Amino acid sequence: MLRRAFAVTLFLSIPTVGFAQARAAAPSVEGVWKITEMVITGANPMTNRSPQPSLIIFARGHYSYLSVNGTQPRAKYEAPKDPSKLTDAEKIARYEQWSPFTANAGTYEITGTTLTLRPLVAKVVDVMTTNPRIVEEFKLEGNTLLLSSQSMAGGPVMEMRVKLIRVQ
């Protein structure tokens, strides 16, 4: 009887172990990534093969997305003469440095090949309020993550493709 119970237990646990191993081996977006290429199509096409620093982290259903957009480092600006009263030129200099920076974080969900981001905090208020979801198609190829998104309803017709590599 004891042998029989052991055999049944062993038989029932084999598929569970196999499933757990298969699930663990499945590729995952979880980790730390950086952008290596960005392509935008449409009225103002652009290809950036030398992007500035970025850091995209996916962990346990949460994400953080930080990137300096463009091919050149952001310009530095001089310290203000009076920090409590910036001149128009000083404000413009700060805007020029702030503008090409993307920052948002929140939760993410994967359904098939669709990655849905829900920003909870963002540099630009509209990203977390007016358009609360970012939907992208994704494809994992080893340590490369390819993201593709279409233009938002009512916006100009375009597609954005971003290539990231895993850094950790």
Protein backbone atom coordinates (compact mmCIF):
# COMPACT_ATOMS: atom_id res chain seq x y z
CA MET A 1 0.00 0.00 0.00
CA LEU A 2 2.81 2.41 0.89
CA ARG A 3 4.56 1.62 -2.40
CA ARG A 4 1.36 2.30 -4.29
CA ALA A 5 0.87 5.70 -2.59
CA PHE A 6 4.48 6.59 -3.35
CA ALA A 7 4.07 5.62 -7.02
CA VAL A 8 0.86 7.66 -7.37
CA THR A 9 2.48 10.68 -5.70
CA LEU A 10 5.53 10.38 -7.97
CA PHE A 11 3.34 9.98 -11.07
CA LEU A 12 1.26 13.05 -10.21
CA SER A 13 4.28 15.23 -9.41
CA ILE A 14 6.17 14.58 -12.68
CA PRO A 15 3.89 16.78 -14.87
CA THR A 16 4.01 19.54 -12.24
CA VAL A 17 7.82 19.53 -12.20
CA GLY A 18 7.92 19.47 -16.00
CA PHE A 19 5.47 22.37 -16.22
CA ALA A 20 7.42 24.41 -13.66
CA GLN A 21 10.67 23.83 -15.57
CA ALA A 22 9.05 24.77 -18.90
CA ARG A 23 7.55 27.88 -17.34
CA ALA A 24 10.86 28.90 -15.79
CA ALA A 25 12.62 28.44 -19.13
CA ALA A 26 10.14 30.66 -21.00
CA PRO A 27 11.67 34.00 -22.03
CA SER A 28 10.60 36.95 -19.93
CA VAL A 29 10.69 40.74 -20.29
CA GLU A 30 11.63 40.95 -16.61
CA GLY A 31 15.01 42.56 -16.19
CA VAL A 32 16.94 45.70 -17.04
CA TRP A 33 17.09 46.95 -20.64
CA LYS A 34 18.53 49.81 -22.68
CA ILE A 35 17.45 51.23 -26.03
CA THR A 36 19.84 50.48 -28.91
CA GLU A 37 17.73 51.67 -31.84
CA MET A 38 14.52 53.60 -32.51
CA VAL A 39 12.65 53.89 -35.82
CA ILE A 40 9.63 56.15 -36.38
CA THR A 41 7.63 56.03 -39.62
CA GLY A 42 5.01 58.44 -40.92
CA ALA A 43 5.05 62.15 -41.78
CA ASN A 44 8.27 62.79 -39.81
CA PRO A 45 10.27 59.57 -40.18
CA MET A 46 13.37 59.12 -38.07
CA THR A 47 15.92 56.40 -37.41
CA ASN A 48 18.16 56.69 -34.35
CA ARG A 49 20.94 54.07 -34.28
CA SER A 50 22.97 55.91 -31.62
CA PRO A 51 20.48 56.68 -28.85
CA GLN A 52 21.43 58.49 -25.67
CA PRO A 53 21.28 56.74 -22.27
CA SER A 54 18.15 54.87 -21.23
CA LEU A 55 17.10 52.49 -18.50
CA ILE A 56 13.95 50.37 -18.73
CA ILE A 57 13.19 48.01 -15.86
CA PHE A 58 10.47 45.33 -15.73
CA ALA A 59 10.03 43.57 -12.37
CA ARG A 60 7.09 41.70 -10.81
CA GLY A 61 4.40 43.49 -12.80
CA HIS A 62 5.92 46.97 -12.45
CA TYR A 63 8.05 48.97 -14.86
CA SER A 64 10.17 52.11 -14.95
CA TYR A 65 11.05 53.82 -18.24
CA LEU A 66 13.70 56.54 -18.40
CA SER A 67 15.37 57.73 -21.59
CA VAL A 68 17.15 60.68 -23.09
CA ASN A 69 15.68 61.04 -26.58
CA GLY A 70 17.86 62.01 -29.50
CA THR A 71 21.33 61.31 -30.83
CA GLN A 72 23.24 64.01 -28.91
CA PRO A 73 23.74 64.56 -25.18
CA ARG A 74 21.47 67.16 -23.64
CA ALA A 75 22.87 70.68 -23.49
CA LYS A 76 24.13 72.00 -20.17
CA TYR A 77 22.98 75.35 -18.88
CA GLU A 78 24.56 77.97 -16.68
CA ALA A 79 23.57 78.39 -13.05
CA PRO A 80 20.89 81.07 -12.68
CA LYS A 81 21.86 84.51 -11.47
CA ASP A 82 18.87 84.50 -9.09
CA PRO A 83 17.40 80.99 -8.55
CA SER A 84 14.16 82.46 -7.22
CA LYS A 85 13.61 84.59 -10.37
CA LEU A 86 14.66 82.83 -13.55
CA THR A 87 14.92 84.96 -16.67
CA ASP A 88 13.10 83.90 -19.83
CA ALA A 89 16.43 82.75 -21.33
CA GLU A 90 17.16 80.64 -18.21
CA LYS A 91 13.69 79.08 -18.38
CA ILE A 92 14.15 78.25 -22.08
CA ALA A 93 17.54 76.64 -21.34
CA ARG A 94 15.96 74.42 -18.69
CA TYR A 95 13.09 73.52 -20.99
CA GLU A 96 15.57 72.55 -23.73
CA GLN A 97 17.26 70.19 -21.27
CA TRP A 98 13.98 68.80 -19.87
CA SER A 99 12.15 68.36 -23.18
CA PRO A 100 14.05 65.38 -24.67
CA PHE A 101 13.74 63.32 -21.48
CA THR A 102 11.09 60.61 -21.09
CA ALA A 103 10.19 59.35 -17.62
CA ASN A 104 7.26 57.22 -16.49
CA ALA A 105 6.64 54.25 -14.25
CA GLY A 106 3.70 52.06 -13.36
CA THR A 107 2.39 48.56 -13.88
CA TYR A 108 2.54 46.27 -16.89
CA GLU A 109 0.64 43.28 -18.16
CA ILE A 110 1.41 40.79 -20.92
CA THR A 111 -1.28 39.07 -22.97
CA GLY A 112 0.16 36.93 -25.76
CA THR A 113 2.51 39.27 -27.64
CA THR A 114 0.87 42.46 -26.32
CA LEU A 115 2.56 44.52 -23.61
CA THR A 116 0.25 46.98 -21.84
CA LEU A 117 1.82 49.69 -19.68
CA ARG A 118 -0.28 51.68 -17.22
CA PRO A 119 1.68 54.72 -16.05
CA LEU A 120 1.10 55.69 -12.42
CA VAL A 121 3.63 58.53 -12.40
CA ALA A 122 5.14 60.40 -15.35
CA LYS A 123 7.10 63.52 -16.27
CA VAL A 124 4.20 64.64 -18.46
CA VAL A 125 0.83 64.67 -16.66
CA ASP A 126 -1.12 63.64 -19.81
CA VAL A 127 0.81 60.35 -19.95
CA MET A 128 -0.69 59.27 -16.63
CA THR A 129 -4.11 60.90 -16.93
CA THR A 130 -5.39 61.55 -20.46
CA ASN A 131 -3.88 58.45 -22.08
CA PRO A 132 -3.48 56.03 -19.19
CA ARG A 133 -2.49 52.96 -21.27
CA ILE A 134 0.44 52.36 -23.59
CA VAL A 135 -0.10 49.28 -25.76
CA GLU A 136 2.80 47.75 -27.68
CA GLU A 137 3.45 44.52 -29.52
CA PHE A 138 6.64 42.81 -28.38
CA LYS A 139 8.98 40.07 -29.50
CA LEU A 140 11.83 38.53 -27.53
CA GLU A 141 14.86 37.23 -29.42
CA GLY A 142 17.43 36.07 -26.86
CA ASN A 143 18.59 39.20 -25.04
CA THR A 144 16.88 41.53 -27.52
CA LEU A 145 13.41 42.97 -26.92
CA LEU A 146 11.59 44.49 -29.89
CA LEU A 147 8.67 46.84 -29.16
CA SER A 148 6.28 48.18 -31.78
CA SER A 149 3.46 50.67 -31.27
CA GLN A 150 1.01 52.37 -33.62
CA SER A 151 -0.17 55.96 -33.51
CA MET A 152 -2.89 56.81 -31.04
CA ALA A 153 -6.44 57.38 -32.25
CA GLY A 154 -6.82 60.83 -33.75
CA GLY A 155 -3.05 61.35 -33.96
CA PRO A 156 -0.83 61.34 -37.03
CA VAL A 157 -0.40 57.96 -38.71
CA MET A 158 2.92 56.51 -37.58
CA GLU A 159 4.61 53.47 -36.15
CA MET A 160 7.41 53.42 -33.60
CA ARG A 161 9.77 50.44 -33.34
CA VAL A 162 12.23 50.28 -30.46
CA LYS A 163 15.04 47.75 -30.09
CA LEU A 164 16.33 47.11 -26.58
CA ILE A 165 19.07 44.85 -25.24
CA ARG A 166 19.09 43.22 -21.84
CA VAL A 167 21.77 44.64 -19.56
CA GLN A 168 20.81 42.47 -16.60
